């Protein structure tokens, strides 16, 4: 494997890791939003 191929593969892995980090950060923000508002639960009997 040539040096240019190694660099290209490393860049792909870095890009994938950055996407994962962004995804995880977005999930944490979404969880904070959903946890902070009150949920109304109704019990319905058929």
Protein backbone atom coordinates (compact mmCIF):
# COMPACT_ATOMS: atom_id res chain seq x y z
CA UNK A 1 0.00 0.00 0.00
CA UNK A 2 1.41 3.36 -1.02
CA UNK A 3 1.71 6.34 1.28
CA UNK A 4 -0.99 8.22 -0.63
CA UNK A 5 -3.41 5.30 -0.12
CA UNK A 6 -2.62 5.20 3.59
CA UNK A 7 -3.29 8.92 3.86
CA UNK A 8 -6.57 8.59 1.95
CA UNK A 9 -7.71 5.74 4.23
CA UNK A 10 -6.74 7.70 7.34
CA UNK A 11 -8.73 10.71 6.10
CA UNK A 12 -11.78 8.47 5.55
CA UNK A 13 -11.50 7.09 9.09
CA UNK A 14 -11.12 10.59 10.54
CA UNK A 15 -14.18 11.76 8.61
CA UNK A 16 -16.21 8.77 9.85
CA UNK A 17 -15.13 9.41 13.44
CA UNK A 18 -16.06 13.08 13.18
CA UNK A 19 -19.51 12.09 11.88
CA UNK A 20 -19.95 9.67 14.79
CA UNK A 21 -18.93 12.31 17.32
CA UNK A 22 -21.38 14.79 15.80
CA UNK A 23 -24.13 12.14 15.85
CA UNK A 24 -23.45 11.32 19.52
CA UNK A 25 -23.44 15.01 20.45
CA UNK A 26 -26.75 15.50 18.63
CA UNK A 27 -28.22 12.52 20.49
CA UNK A 28 -27.17 13.96 23.85
CA UNK A 29 -28.77 17.30 22.97
CA UNK A 30 -31.99 15.59 21.86
CA UNK A 31 -32.13 13.56 25.09
CA UNK A 32 -31.74 16.73 27.15
CA UNK A 33 -34.60 18.34 25.25
CA UNK A 34 -36.93 15.39 25.73
CA UNK A 35 -36.08 14.92 29.40
CA UNK A 36 -36.64 18.56 30.32
CA UNK A 37 -40.28 18.86 29.31
CA UNK A 38 -43.07 17.32 31.32
CA UNK A 39 -45.01 14.45 29.84
CA UNK A 40 -48.73 14.03 30.38
CA UNK A 41 -49.73 10.44 30.97
CA UNK A 42 -53.34 9.41 30.81
CA UNK A 43 -54.69 6.08 31.98
CA UNK A 44 -57.47 4.88 29.74
CA UNK A 45 -59.48 1.76 30.40
CA UNK A 46 -61.19 0.00 27.53
